[in-house]
């Protein structure tokens, strides 16, 4: 008997992490997994891709010589106790990548910075469900969310006392302090050339 096909998230019953990994090997599109739930990843709007590309253009040169590397979109991250398997828009690794020993493609387990570009359809999940999983990764030091619908950056930074400190800005002249990777990111460069869909604001 063949593997079951994916259903829409609302219809899908609880699956184990092993079942998810097996299903993902057979699926034609990528899926994310969180605490027994699975959902399909949909195609991104151009604004989403532009913002993510711009960010990587800014941080890429600053990472040279630091032993850190940024990866966009296709690198799956495994969260603590295999409670989540997620595809961040950008993930930065410092030092040697640590990969799971499960079925290929293996999943990264030691990101330092995770970035999600949010939209109206993903913002709630990115803010709550995904952050709840990401923040329990021992190596993670910052979680950055960039809106694809307006100029808006939100950063959670882990301080020396183990507290996640939240900062945000809508100021296009602001410079984001990505202290986890020792990078300074002008927000104007992240949103350079980005044309927002005005209909989403009505």
Protein backbone atom coordinates (compact mmCIF):
# COMPACT_ATOMS: atom_id res chain seq x y z
CA UNK A 1 0.00 0.00 0.00
CA UNK A 2 1.39 3.39 -0.99
CA UNK A 3 1.97 6.36 1.25
CA UNK A 4 -1.09 8.53 1.92
CA UNK A 5 -1.30 11.80 0.04
CA UNK A 6 -1.26 15.18 1.74
CA UNK A 7 -4.56 16.86 2.50
CA UNK A 8 -5.27 20.46 3.33
CA UNK A 9 -4.16 21.42 6.87
CA UNK A 10 -7.73 21.65 8.13
CA UNK A 11 -8.41 18.08 7.03
CA UNK A 12 -5.17 16.42 8.02
CA UNK A 13 -5.17 14.25 11.13
CA UNK A 14 -2.25 14.11 13.56
CA UNK A 15 0.91 12.65 12.04
CA UNK A 16 4.20 11.73 13.68
CA UNK A 17 7.51 13.31 12.74
CA UNK A 18 8.53 10.06 11.03
CA UNK A 19 5.30 9.99 9.03
CA UNK A 20 5.84 13.62 7.99
CA UNK A 21 9.38 12.91 6.75
CA UNK A 22 8.15 9.92 4.77
CA UNK A 23 5.29 11.90 3.30
CA UNK A 24 7.58 14.79 2.42
CA UNK A 25 9.75 12.49 0.32
CA UNK A 26 6.71 11.61 -1.81
CA UNK A 27 5.11 15.06 -1.96
CA UNK A 28 5.38 17.19 -5.10
CA UNK A 29 5.39 20.41 -3.05
CA UNK A 30 7.10 21.22 0.25
CA UNK A 31 5.27 21.06 3.55
CA UNK A 32 5.99 22.27 7.06
CA UNK A 33 5.32 20.36 10.26
CA UNK A 34 4.48 21.55 13.77
CA UNK A 35 3.39 19.41 16.70
CA UNK A 36 1.69 16.79 14.57
CA UNK A 37 0.13 19.18 12.04
CA UNK A 38 1.21 19.56 8.43
CA UNK A 39 0.52 22.35 5.97
CA UNK A 40 1.52 22.97 2.38
CA UNK A 41 3.80 25.85 1.45
CA UNK A 42 2.27 28.08 -1.21
CA UNK A 43 4.07 30.16 -3.81
CA UNK A 44 5.39 33.55 -2.69
CA UNK A 45 4.50 36.97 -4.09
CA UNK A 46 7.21 39.02 -5.79
CA UNK A 47 7.40 41.44 -2.84
CA UNK A 48 8.21 38.51 -0.55
CA UNK A 49 11.03 37.34 -2.79
CA UNK A 50 12.39 40.85 -3.31
CA UNK A 51 12.62 41.51 0.43
CA UNK A 52 14.32 38.20 1.13
CA UNK A 53 16.77 38.69 -1.75
CA UNK A 54 17.58 42.24 -0.64
CA UNK A 55 18.25 41.08 2.92
CA UNK A 56 20.69 38.44 1.71
CA UNK A 57 22.43 40.97 -0.52
CA UNK A 58 23.02 43.15 2.56
CA UNK A 59 24.16 40.50 5.02
CA UNK A 60 26.12 38.34 2.59
CA UNK A 61 29.17 40.63 2.31
CA UNK A 62 29.11 41.32 6.05
CA UNK A 63 29.31 37.60 6.82
CA UNK A 64 32.51 37.04 4.90
CA UNK A 65 35.38 36.05 7.15
CA UNK A 66 33.09 35.43 10.15
CA UNK A 67 32.56 31.73 9.62
CA UNK A 68 28.85 32.30 9.02
CA UNK A 69 26.73 31.56 5.97
CA UNK A 70 23.20 32.50 4.93
CA UNK A 71 20.84 30.13 3.16
CA UNK A 72 17.56 31.07 1.49
CA UNK A 73 14.28 29.15 1.63
CA UNK A 74 15.26 25.60 0.69
CA UNK A 75 17.06 24.60 3.89
CA UNK A 76 14.75 22.80 6.31
CA UNK A 77 15.20 23.46 10.03
CA UNK A 78 14.44 20.84 12.68
CA UNK A 79 13.33 22.22 16.02
CA UNK A 80 13.88 20.73 19.46
CA UNK A 81 12.60 17.21 20.11
CA UNK A 82 11.53 17.02 16.44
CA UNK A 83 8.44 19.04 17.27
CA UNK A 84 8.79 21.09 14.08
CA UNK A 85 10.25 20.93 10.58
CA UNK A 86 10.17 24.36 8.99
CA UNK A 87 11.54 26.17 5.95
CA UNK A 88 12.59 29.69 7.00
CA UNK A 89 12.95 32.31 4.30
CA UNK A 90 16.54 32.86 5.41
CA UNK A 91 18.64 31.02 7.95
CA UNK A 92 22.18 31.85 9.06
CA UNK A 93 24.59 29.22 10.36
CA UNK A 94 27.84 30.03 12.16
CA UNK A 95 30.50 27.37 12.39
CA UNK A 96 29.89 23.79 11.31
CA UNK A 97 26.31 23.02 10.21
CA UNK A 98 24.73 20.33 12.37
CA UNK A 99 22.36 18.14 10.40
CA UNK A 100 19.88 15.52 11.57
CA UNK A 101 20.66 11.87 10.90
CA UNK A 102 17.22 11.18 9.48
CA UNK A 103 16.19 10.59 5.89
CA UNK A 104 17.61 12.95 3.28
CA UNK A 105 17.41 15.79 2.71
CA UNK A 106 18.65 16.15 6.27
CA UNK A 107 17.52 19.08 8.41
CA UNK A 108 19.58 21.81 10.04
CA UNK A 109 19.53 21.82 13.83
CA UNK A 110 21.84 24.74 14.77
CA UNK A 111 20.73 28.02 13.16
CA UNK A 112 21.89 31.25 14.80
CA UNK A 113 19.46 33.57 13.00
CA UNK A 114 16.09 32.69 11.46
CA UNK A 115 14.20 35.09 9.18
CA UNK A 116 10.59 34.91 8.04
CA UNK A 117 9.04 37.31 5.51
CA UNK A 118 5.43 37.59 6.63
CA UNK A 119 2.18 38.17 4.76
CA UNK A 120 -1.46 38.45 5.76
CA UNK A 121 -1.87 34.69 5.37
CA UNK A 122 1.28 33.70 7.29
CA UNK A 123 1.77 36.45 9.89
CA UNK A 124 -0.11 34.79 12.75
CA UNK A 125 1.66 31.48 12.29
CA UNK A 126 5.07 33.20 11.97
CA UNK A 127 4.51 35.28 15.11
CA UNK A 128 3.15 32.58 17.38
CA UNK A 129 3.35 28.96 16.29
CA UNK A 130 6.68 29.15 14.50
CA UNK A 131 8.38 31.38 17.05
CA UNK A 132 7.24 29.02 19.82
CA UNK A 133 9.18 26.28 18.03
CA UNK A 134 12.19 28.29 16.91
CA UNK A 135 12.94 29.80 20.31
CA UNK A 136 13.65 26.39 21.85
CA UNK A 137 16.52 25.73 19.43
CA UNK A 138 19.61 25.97 21.64
CA UNK A 139 21.78 27.73 19.05
CA UNK A 140 19.23 30.39 18.05
CA UNK A 141 20.01 33.96 19.09
CA UNK A 142 17.67 36.07 16.94
CA UNK A 143 14.40 35.75 15.07
CA UNK A 144 13.64 38.43 12.48
CA UNK A 145 10.27 39.00 10.82
CA UNK A 146 9.93 41.33 7.84
CA UNK A 147 6.49 42.29 6.55
CA UNK A 148 5.84 41.91 2.84
CA UNK A 149 2.87 44.29 3.02
CA UNK A 150 4.44 47.37 4.60
CA UNK A 151 7.75 48.61 5.95
CA UNK A 152 7.86 46.77 9.25
CA UNK A 153 10.62 44.80 10.96
CA UNK A 154 10.29 42.84 14.21
CA UNK A 155 13.20 41.23 16.02
CA UNK A 156 13.36 38.87 18.97
CA UNK A 157 16.84 38.80 20.50
CA UNK A 158 17.99 36.39 23.22
CA UNK A 159 19.79 38.32 25.96
CA UNK A 160 22.44 37.11 28.41
CA UNK A 161 19.74 36.19 30.95
CA UNK A 162 17.92 33.95 28.52
CA UNK A 163 15.08 36.42 27.85
CA UNK A 164 13.71 37.07 24.39
CA UNK A 165 13.68 40.86 23.92
CA UNK A 166 11.27 42.25 21.32
CA UNK A 167 11.95 45.33 19.20
CA UNK A 168 10.19 46.65 16.12
CA UNK A 169 10.33 49.54 13.68
CA UNK A 170 8.44 50.97 10.74
CA UNK A 171 11.06 53.67 10.19
CA UNK A 172 12.61 53.28 6.74
CA UNK A 173 15.72 55.11 7.97
CA UNK A 174 16.27 52.59 10.77
CA UNK A 175 19.25 50.24 10.86
CA UNK A 176 18.54 46.76 12.18
CA UNK A 177 21.09 45.42 14.66
CA UNK A 178 21.49 41.74 13.87
CA UNK A 179 23.83 41.24 16.80
CA UNK A 180 23.67 37.45 16.49
CA UNK A 181 25.70 37.63 13.28
CA UNK A 182 27.33 41.05 13.90
CA UNK A 183 25.57 42.68 10.95
CA UNK A 184 23.97 46.10 10.55
CA UNK A 185 21.08 46.15 8.09
CA UNK A 186 19.64 49.44 6.77
CA UNK A 187 15.90 48.90 6.42
CA UNK A 188 15.87 51.10 3.32
CA UNK A 189 18.11 48.57 1.58
CA UNK A 190 15.88 45.67 2.59
CA UNK A 191 12.84 47.39 1.06
CA UNK A 192 14.65 48.94 -1.91
CA UNK A 193 12.59 48.56 -5.09
CA UNK A 194 9.75 46.80 -3.28
CA UNK A 195 6.29 47.74 -4.57
CA UNK A 196 3.53 46.93 -2.11
CA UNK A 197 0.13 45.72 -3.24
CA UNK A 198 -2.16 48.59 -2.24
CA UNK A 199 -5.21 46.32 -2.31
CA UNK A 200 -3.94 44.43 0.75
CA UNK A 201 -4.16 47.64 2.79
CA UNK A 202 -7.78 48.44 1.98
